[in-house]
Amino acid sequence: MEFYKSLKPHRFKEKNHHNPEKPPSTNRETAIALVEIHCMFKDPLQPGLMYHIYNRGNNRENLFKEDKNYFHFLNLSQKHLLPIADIFSYSLQPNHFHYLIQIKDAIENKLINQSFSNWFNAYTKSINIAYNRTGSLFQERFARKLIDTNTYLNNIIFYIHANAQKHRLVEDFRSYKYNSYDTLLSDKATFLQRDKVLNWFGNREQFAKFHAQNQDVLVDYLKILDAEGF
């Protein structure tokens, strides 16, 4: 099963030249396919389009220092993003975050930019006050990648959910409490577009199956990195 291509370790030289619509033939080849560079585009966000957005702490500083920070960030994302975008999935790691969003139709670019600015500024202000710090918390510009194929859409949802395991924060991303995996599988109230996400995979069972199959590939990927000395 093809997995979304993730960040490339600097010493890894292999390139995956398979047809992007056809999975590599072995788990090792599939895992090697994970190490191609993750593109970061800085073009303005456009109404009606879907994006993977992500950012990290300035100078790799942790964005989240304790549990309440994660929940505060999620609450602020609802406050500032939901008026201008739908949110489909997310994952928060100590020093960076990932979201999958779609900008709503007929939203002015000025309002889009202001909403993101308000989100980051509000969180930065709260952290500066709580921890007696000053200055910027996030890198200057957040990265965004346009989602333009169905295959890429499913893979990026898995990539976002699996990010904590990729960074070895947990042994299984399905146990990580700061991603949207469990929420999307549950029936509890959520600000996420759960029905749309599950429909992209077919249903709730297929969503879980896709994640389980690719979790096995991720394990192989991490084993390769261990063998290569990363």
C-alpha atoms as a PDB file:
ATOM      1  CA  MET A   1       0.000   0.000   0.000  1.00  0.00           C
ATOM      2  CA  GLU A   2       1.473   3.332  -1.019  1.00  0.00           C
ATOM      3  CA  PHE A   3       2.274   5.692   1.797  1.00  0.00           C
ATOM      4  CA  TYR A   4       2.684   9.443   1.536  1.00  0.00           C
ATOM      5  CA  LYS A   5       6.272  10.514   0.794  1.00  0.00           C
ATOM      6  CA  SER A   6       7.771  12.077   3.889  1.00  0.00           C
ATOM      7  CA  LEU A   7      10.797  14.133   4.815  1.00  0.00           C
ATOM      8  CA  LYS A   8      14.065  12.870   3.430  1.00  0.00           C
ATOM      9  CA  PRO A   9      16.925  12.054   5.827  1.00  0.00           C
ATOM     10  CA  HIS A  10      20.035  13.830   4.533  1.00  0.00           C
ATOM     11  CA  ARG A  11      22.104  10.655   4.130  1.00  0.00           C
ATOM     12  CA  PHE A  12      19.433   8.698   2.281  1.00  0.00           C
ATOM     13  CA  LYS A  13      20.248   8.599  -1.449  1.00  0.00           C
ATOM     14  CA  GLU A  14      17.612   6.218  -2.811  1.00  0.00           C
ATOM     15  CA  LYS A  15      14.888   7.634  -5.036  1.00  0.00           C
ATOM     16  CA  ASN A  16      11.558   6.021  -5.812  1.00  0.00           C
ATOM     17  CA  HIS A  17      10.849   6.028  -9.544  1.00  0.00           C
ATOM     18  CA  HIS A  18       7.687   3.917  -9.451  1.00  0.00           C
ATOM     19  CA  ASN A  19       4.466   5.011 -11.048  1.00  0.00           C
ATOM     20  CA  PRO A  20       2.800   7.079  -8.280  1.00  0.00           C
ATOM     21  CA  GLU A  21      -0.479   5.243  -8.863  1.00  0.00           C
ATOM     22  CA  LYS A  22       1.153   1.826  -8.436  1.00  0.00           C
ATOM     23  CA  PRO A  23       2.509   0.678  -5.044  1.00  0.00           C
ATOM     24  CA  PRO A  24       6.145  -0.491  -4.952  1.00  0.00           C
ATOM     25  CA  SER A  25       6.540  -4.243  -5.080  1.00  0.00           C
ATOM     26  CA  THR A  26       8.158  -4.860  -1.675  1.00  0.00           C
ATOM     27  CA  ASN A  27       7.873  -3.429   1.793  1.00  0.00           C
ATOM     28  CA  ARG A  28      11.478  -2.224   1.613  1.00  0.00           C
ATOM     29  CA  GLU A  29      10.791  -0.377  -1.648  1.00  0.00           C
ATOM     30  CA  THR A  30       7.625   1.052  -0.172  1.00  0.00           C
ATOM     31  CA  ALA A  31       9.513   2.245   2.875  1.00  0.00           C
ATOM     32  CA  ILE A  32      12.269   3.782   0.741  1.00  0.00           C
ATOM     33  CA  ALA A  33       9.532   5.682  -1.089  1.00  0.00           C
ATOM     34  CA  LEU A  34       8.850   7.499   2.171  1.00  0.00           C
ATOM     35  CA  VAL A  35      12.130   9.360   2.174  1.00  0.00           C
ATOM     36  CA  GLU A  36      11.651  11.651  -0.826  1.00  0.00           C
ATOM     37  CA  ILE A  37      11.578  15.345  -0.046  1.00  0.00           C
ATOM     38  CA  HIS A  38       8.341  16.858   1.236  1.00  0.00           C
ATOM     39  CA  CYS A  39       7.536  19.881  -0.948  1.00  0.00           C
ATOM     40  CA  MET A  40       6.692  23.178   0.721  1.00  0.00           C
ATOM     41  CA  PHE A  41       4.860  25.771  -1.318  1.00  0.00           C
ATOM     42  CA  LYS A  42       4.434  29.382  -0.230  1.00  0.00           C
ATOM     43  CA  ASP A  43       1.767  30.400  -2.755  1.00  0.00           C
ATOM     44  CA  PRO A  44      -1.260  32.175  -1.235  1.00  0.00           C
ATOM     45  CA  LEU A  45      -4.069  29.930  -0.026  1.00  0.00           C
ATOM     46  CA  GLN A  46      -6.966  30.013  -2.465  1.00  0.00           C
ATOM     47  CA  PRO A  47     -10.726  29.698  -1.808  1.00  0.00           C
ATOM     48  CA  GLY A  48     -12.166  26.258  -2.512  1.00  0.00           C
ATOM     49  CA  LEU A  49      -8.815  24.450  -2.447  1.00  0.00           C
ATOM     50  CA  MET A  50      -7.550  21.849   0.001  1.00  0.00           C
ATOM     51  CA  TYR A  51      -4.165  22.069   1.725  1.00  0.00           C
ATOM     52  CA  HIS A  52      -1.871  20.273   4.075  1.00  0.00           C
ATOM     53  CA  ILE A  53      -0.542  23.036   6.329  1.00  0.00           C
ATOM     54  CA  TYR A  54       2.273  22.701   8.822  1.00  0.00           C
ATOM     55  CA  ASN A  55       4.695  24.748  10.862  1.00  0.00           C
ATOM     56  CA  ARG A  56       7.208  24.357  13.645  1.00  0.00           C
ATOM     57  CA  GLY A  57       8.562  26.310  16.545  1.00  0.00           C
ATOM     58  CA  ASN A  58      11.042  29.069  15.866  1.00  0.00           C
ATOM     59  CA  ASN A  59      14.559  27.630  16.159  1.00  0.00           C
ATOM     60  CA  ARG A  60      12.854  24.268  16.717  1.00  0.00           C
ATOM     61  CA  GLU A  61      11.540  25.406  20.093  1.00  0.00           C
ATOM     62  CA  ASN A  62       8.700  23.329  21.491  1.00  0.00           C
ATOM     63  CA  LEU A  63       5.274  24.783  20.761  1.00  0.00           C
ATOM     64  CA  PHE A  64       3.597  22.648  23.396  1.00  0.00           C
ATOM     65  CA  LYS A  65       5.083  22.331  26.860  1.00  0.00           C
ATOM     66  CA  GLU A  66       2.248  20.524  28.675  1.00  0.00           C
ATOM     67  CA  ASP A  67      -1.131  18.945  27.983  1.00  0.00           C
ATOM     68  CA  LYS A  68      -3.179  22.109  28.344  1.00  0.00           C
ATOM     69  CA  ASN A  69      -1.161  23.784  25.565  1.00  0.00           C
ATOM     70  CA  TYR A  70      -2.267  21.195  23.004  1.00  0.00           C
ATOM     71  CA  PHE A  71      -5.923  21.653  23.889  1.00  0.00           C
ATOM     72  CA  HIS A  72      -5.642  25.437  23.877  1.00  0.00           C
ATOM     73  CA  PHE A  73      -4.092  25.341  20.400  1.00  0.00           C
ATOM     74  CA  LEU A  74      -6.914  23.130  19.134  1.00  0.00           C
ATOM     75  CA  ASN A  75      -9.515  25.462  20.615  1.00  0.00           C
ATOM     76  CA  LEU A  76      -7.872  28.453  18.959  1.00  0.00           C
ATOM     77  CA  SER A  77      -7.763  26.637  15.626  1.00  0.00           C
ATOM     78  CA  GLN A  78     -11.524  26.183  15.842  1.00  0.00           C
ATOM     79  CA  LYS A  79     -12.056  29.828  16.724  1.00  0.00           C
ATOM     80  CA  HIS A  80      -9.908  31.253  13.956  1.00  0.00           C
ATOM     81  CA  LEU A  81     -10.015  28.648  11.176  1.00  0.00           C
ATOM     82  CA  LEU A  82     -13.596  27.396  11.119  1.00  0.00           C
ATOM     83  CA  PRO A  83     -15.012  30.710   9.849  1.00  0.00           C
ATOM     84  CA  ILE A  84     -12.794  30.442   6.768  1.00  0.00           C
ATOM     85  CA  ALA A  85     -12.028  26.714   6.365  1.00  0.00           C
ATOM     86  CA  ASP A  86     -13.184  23.144   6.979  1.00  0.00           C
ATOM     87  CA  ILE A  87     -10.816  20.993   9.044  1.00  0.00           C
ATOM     88  CA  PHE A  88     -10.432  17.294   8.234  1.00  0.00           C
ATOM     89  CA  SER A  89      -7.498  16.019  10.302  1.00  0.00           C
ATOM     90  CA  TYR A  90      -4.644  17.192  12.495  1.00  0.00           C
ATOM     91  CA  SER A  91      -1.659  16.091  14.521  1.00  0.00           C
ATOM     92  CA  LEU A  92       0.259  18.075  17.108  1.00  0.00           C
ATOM     93  CA  GLN A  93       3.842  17.155  17.985  1.00  0.00           C
ATOM     94  CA  PRO A  94       5.855  18.975  20.676  1.00  0.00           C
ATOM     95  CA  ASN A  95       7.636  21.286  18.215  1.00  0.00           C
ATOM     96  CA  HIS A  96       5.383  21.252  15.130  1.00  0.00           C
ATOM     97  CA  PHE A  97       1.863  20.630  13.853  1.00  0.00           C
ATOM     98  CA  HIS A  98       0.002  19.349  10.788  1.00  0.00           C
ATOM     99  CA  TYR A  99      -3.544  20.121   9.607  1.00  0.00           C
ATOM    100  CA  LEU A 100      -5.573  19.135   6.569  1.00  0.00           C
ATOM    101  CA  ILE A 101      -7.990  21.932   5.657  1.00  0.00           C
ATOM    102  CA  GLN A 102     -10.092  23.243   2.795  1.00  0.00           C
ATOM    103  CA  ILE A 103     -10.566  26.967   2.387  1.00  0.00           C
ATOM    104  CA  LYS A 104     -14.247  27.842   1.995  1.00  0.00           C
ATOM    105  CA  ASP A 105     -15.545  29.341  -1.230  1.00  0.00           C
ATOM    106  CA  ALA A 106     -15.800  33.103  -1.719  1.00  0.00           C
ATOM    107  CA  ILE A 107     -13.403  33.974   1.105  1.00  0.00           C
ATOM    108  CA  GLU A 108     -11.197  37.006   0.497  1.00  0.00           C
ATOM    109  CA  ASN A 109      -7.446  36.438   0.661  1.00  0.00           C
ATOM    110  CA  LYS A 110      -7.098  39.226   3.193  1.00  0.00           C
ATOM    111  CA  LEU A 111      -9.475  37.432   5.572  1.00  0.00           C
ATOM    112  CA  ILE A 112      -7.663  34.115   5.034  1.00  0.00           C
ATOM    113  CA  ASN A 113      -4.311  35.644   5.907  1.00  0.00           C
ATOM    114  CA  GLN A 114      -5.711  37.529   8.881  1.00  0.00           C
ATOM    115  CA  SER A 115      -7.344  34.410  10.306  1.00  0.00           C
ATOM    116  CA  PHE A 116      -4.085  32.466  10.285  1.00  0.00           C
ATOM    117  CA  SER A 117      -2.210  35.426  11.728  1.00  0.00           C
ATOM    118  CA  ASN A 118      -4.770  35.774  14.522  1.00  0.00           C
ATOM    119  CA  TRP A 119      -4.519  32.049  15.301  1.00  0.00           C
ATOM    120  CA  PHE A 120      -0.740  32.038  15.636  1.00  0.00           C
ATOM    121  CA  ASN A 121      -0.552  35.391  17.409  1.00  0.00           C
ATOM    122  CA  ALA A 122      -3.190  34.427  19.964  1.00  0.00           C
ATOM    123  CA  TYR A 123      -1.368  31.206  20.794  1.00  0.00           C
ATOM    124  CA  THR A 124       2.028  32.910  20.940  1.00  0.00           C
ATOM    125  CA  LYS A 125       0.680  35.553  23.301  1.00  0.00           C
ATOM    126  CA  SER A 126      -0.761  32.924  25.631  1.00  0.00           C
ATOM    127  CA  ILE A 127       2.527  30.982  25.736  1.00  0.00           C
ATOM    128  CA  ASN A 128       4.609  34.126  26.267  1.00  0.00           C
ATOM    129  CA  ILE A 129       2.449  35.145  29.218  1.00  0.00           C
ATOM    130  CA  ALA A 130       2.275  31.665  30.749  1.00  0.00           C
ATOM    131  CA  TYR A 131       5.993  30.909  30.485  1.00  0.00           C
ATOM    132  CA  ASN A 132       7.478  34.373  30.822  1.00  0.00           C
ATOM    133  CA  ARG A 133       9.000  34.399  27.354  1.00  0.00           C
ATOM    134  CA  THR A 134       9.154  37.018  24.610  1.00  0.00           C
ATOM    135  CA  GLY A 135       9.361  37.111  20.822  1.00  0.00           C
ATOM    136  CA  SER A 136       8.028  34.909  18.037  1.00  0.00           C
ATOM    137  CA  LEU A 137       7.109  31.307  18.733  1.00  0.00           C
ATOM    138  CA  PHE A 138       6.508  30.018  15.193  1.00  0.00           C
ATOM    139  CA  GLN A 139       8.681  30.071  12.119  1.00  0.00           C
ATOM    140  CA  GLU A 140       7.906  33.151  10.073  1.00  0.00           C
ATOM    141  CA  ARG A 141       5.748  31.490   7.413  1.00  0.00           C
ATOM    142  CA  PHE A 142       3.769  28.284   7.681  1.00  0.00           C
ATOM    143  CA  ALA A 143       4.182  25.767   4.870  1.00  0.00           C
ATOM    144  CA  ARG A 144       1.327  24.546   2.729  1.00  0.00           C
ATOM    145  CA  LYS A 145       0.941  21.802   0.104  1.00  0.00           C
ATOM    146  CA  LEU A 146      -1.965  21.706  -2.316  1.00  0.00           C
ATOM    147  CA  ILE A 147      -3.898  18.418  -2.286  1.00  0.00           C
ATOM    148  CA  ASP A 148      -4.713  17.641  -5.906  1.00  0.00           C
ATOM    149  CA  THR A 149      -5.341  13.877  -6.193  1.00  0.00           C
ATOM    150  CA  ASN A 150      -7.500  11.362  -4.319  1.00  0.00           C
ATOM    151  CA  THR A 151      -4.523   9.072  -3.716  1.00  0.00           C
ATOM    152  CA  TYR A 152      -2.543  11.922  -2.247  1.00  0.00           C
ATOM    153  CA  LEU A 153      -5.535  12.899  -0.093  1.00  0.00           C
ATOM    154  CA  ASN A 154      -5.790   9.488   1.583  1.00  0.00           C
ATOM    155  CA  ASN A 155      -2.038   9.232   1.993  1.00  0.00           C
ATOM    156  CA  ILE A 156      -1.695  12.666   3.563  1.00  0.00           C
ATOM    157  CA  ILE A 157      -4.397  11.863   6.121  1.00  0.00           C
ATOM    158  CA  PHE A 158      -2.411   8.799   7.124  1.00  0.00           C
ATOM    159  CA  TYR A 159       0.832  10.775   7.119  1.00  0.00           C
ATOM    160  CA  ILE A 160      -0.658  13.375   9.465  1.00  0.00           C
ATOM    161  CA  HIS A 161      -1.991  10.751  11.853  1.00  0.00           C
ATOM    162  CA  ALA A 162       1.227   8.702  11.794  1.00  0.00           C
ATOM    163  CA  ASN A 163       3.544  11.655  12.334  1.00  0.00           C
ATOM    164  CA  ALA A 164       4.066  11.026  16.044  1.00  0.00           C
ATOM    165  CA  GLN A 165       5.167   7.463  15.326  1.00  0.00           C
ATOM    166  CA  LYS A 166       7.386   8.634  12.475  1.00  0.00           C
ATOM    167  CA  HIS A 167       9.148  10.895  14.983  1.00  0.00           C
ATOM    168  CA  ARG A 168       9.271   8.035  17.520  1.00  0.00           C
ATOM    169  CA  LEU A 169       7.099   9.752  20.093  1.00  0.00           C
ATOM    170  CA  VAL A 170       4.954   6.605  20.372  1.00  0.00           C
ATOM    171  CA  GLU A 171       5.229   3.004  19.196  1.00  0.00           C
ATOM    172  CA  ASP A 172       1.804   3.140  17.534  1.00  0.00           C
ATOM    173  CA  PHE A 173       0.263   6.402  16.322  1.00  0.00           C
ATOM    174  CA  ARG A 174      -3.205   5.035  17.093  1.00  0.00           C
ATOM    175  CA  SER A 175      -2.434   5.480  20.796  1.00  0.00           C
ATOM    176  CA  TYR A 176      -1.296   9.101  20.400  1.00  0.00           C
ATOM    177  CA  LYS A 177      -3.763  11.496  22.019  1.00  0.00           C
ATOM    178  CA  TYR A 178      -2.902  14.637  20.049  1.00  0.00           C
ATOM    179  CA  ASN A 179      -4.021  13.524  16.602  1.00  0.00           C
ATOM    180  CA  SER A 180      -7.468  13.168  15.070  1.00  0.00           C
ATOM    181  CA  TYR A 181      -7.406   9.419  14.392  1.00  0.00           C
ATOM    182  CA  ASP A 182      -9.585   8.335  17.336  1.00  0.00           C
ATOM    183  CA  THR A 183     -11.970  11.249  16.892  1.00  0.00           C
ATOM    184  CA  LEU A 184     -12.591  10.331  13.269  1.00  0.00           C
ATOM    185  CA  LEU A 185     -13.335   6.722  14.252  1.00  0.00           C
ATOM    186  CA  SER A 186     -15.664   7.679  17.091  1.00  0.00           C
ATOM    187  CA  ASP A 187     -19.221   9.006  17.215  1.00  0.00           C
ATOM    188  CA  LYS A 188     -18.523  11.834  19.637  1.00  0.00           C
ATOM    189  CA  ALA A 189     -19.124  15.459  18.669  1.00  0.00           C
ATOM    190  CA  THR A 190     -16.287  17.036  16.708  1.00  0.00           C
ATOM    191  CA  PHE A 191     -15.380  20.158  14.751  1.00  0.00           C
ATOM    192  CA  LEU A 192     -13.834  17.908  12.068  1.00  0.00           C
ATOM    193  CA  GLN A 193     -15.553  16.993   8.808  1.00  0.00           C
ATOM    194  CA  ARG A 194     -15.742  13.356   9.907  1.00  0.00           C
ATOM    195  CA  ASP A 195     -18.319  12.087   7.409  1.00  0.00           C
ATOM    196  CA  LYS A 196     -16.391  13.449   4.446  1.00  0.00           C
ATOM    197  CA  VAL A 197     -13.138  11.879   5.643  1.00  0.00           C
ATOM    198  CA  LEU A 198     -14.687   8.445   6.177  1.00  0.00           C
ATOM    199  CA  ASN A 199     -16.407   8.616   2.802  1.00  0.00           C
ATOM    200  CA  TRP A 200     -13.066   9.276   1.090  1.00  0.00           C
ATOM    201  CA  PHE A 201     -11.883   5.898   2.387  1.00  0.00           C
ATOM    202  CA  GLY A 202     -15.220   4.173   1.725  1.00  0.00           C
ATOM    203  CA  ASN A 203     -16.435   3.799   5.318  1.00  0.00           C
ATOM    204  CA  ARG A 204     -15.207   3.659   8.921  1.00  0.00           C
ATOM    205  CA  GLU A 205     -13.885   0.095   8.533  1.00  0.00           C
ATOM    206  CA  GLN A 206     -11.901   0.949   5.393  1.00  0.00           C
ATOM    207  CA  PHE A 207     -10.478   4.025   7.101  1.00  0.00           C
ATOM    208  CA  ALA A 208      -9.175   1.871   9.957  1.00  0.00           C
ATOM    209  CA  LYS A 209      -7.905  -0.825   7.548  1.00  0.00           C
ATOM    210  CA  PHE A 210      -5.971   1.704   5.438  1.00  0.00           C
ATOM    211  CA  HIS A 211      -4.268   3.067   8.555  1.00  0.00           C
ATOM    212  CA  ALA A 212      -3.461  -0.412   9.875  1.00  0.00           C
ATOM    213  CA  GLN A 213      -1.901  -1.541   6.595  1.00  0.00           C
ATOM    214  CA  ASN A 214       0.217   1.556   6.262  1.00  0.00           C
ATOM    215  CA  GLN A 215       1.222   1.365   9.904  1.00  0.00           C
ATOM    216  CA  ASP A 216       3.026  -1.863   8.984  1.00  0.00           C
ATOM    217  CA  VAL A 217       4.865  -0.004   6.208  1.00  0.00           C
ATOM    218  CA  LEU A 218       5.854   2.721   8.658  1.00  0.00           C
ATOM    219  CA  VAL A 219       7.352   0.107  10.969  1.00  0.00           C
ATOM    220  CA  ASP A 220       9.469  -1.162   8.043  1.00  0.00           C
ATOM    221  CA  TYR A 221      10.507   2.417   7.264  1.00  0.00           C
ATOM    222  CA  LEU A 222      11.726   2.987  10.804  1.00  0.00           C
ATOM    223  CA  LYS A 223      13.618  -0.318  10.740  1.00  0.00           C
ATOM    224  CA  ILE A 224      15.428   0.805   7.579  1.00  0.00           C
ATOM    225  CA  LEU A 225      16.406   4.065   9.259  1.00  0.00           C
ATOM    226  CA  ASP A 226      17.693   2.130  12.270  1.00  0.00           C
ATOM    227  CA  ALA A 227      19.741  -0.141   9.998  1.00  0.00           C
ATOM    228  CA  GLU A 228      21.195   2.912   8.221  1.00  0.00           C
ATOM    229  CA  GLY A 229      22.203   4.471  11.537  1.00  0.00           C
ATOM    230  CA  PHE A 230      19.632   7.286  11.782  1.00  0.00           C
END
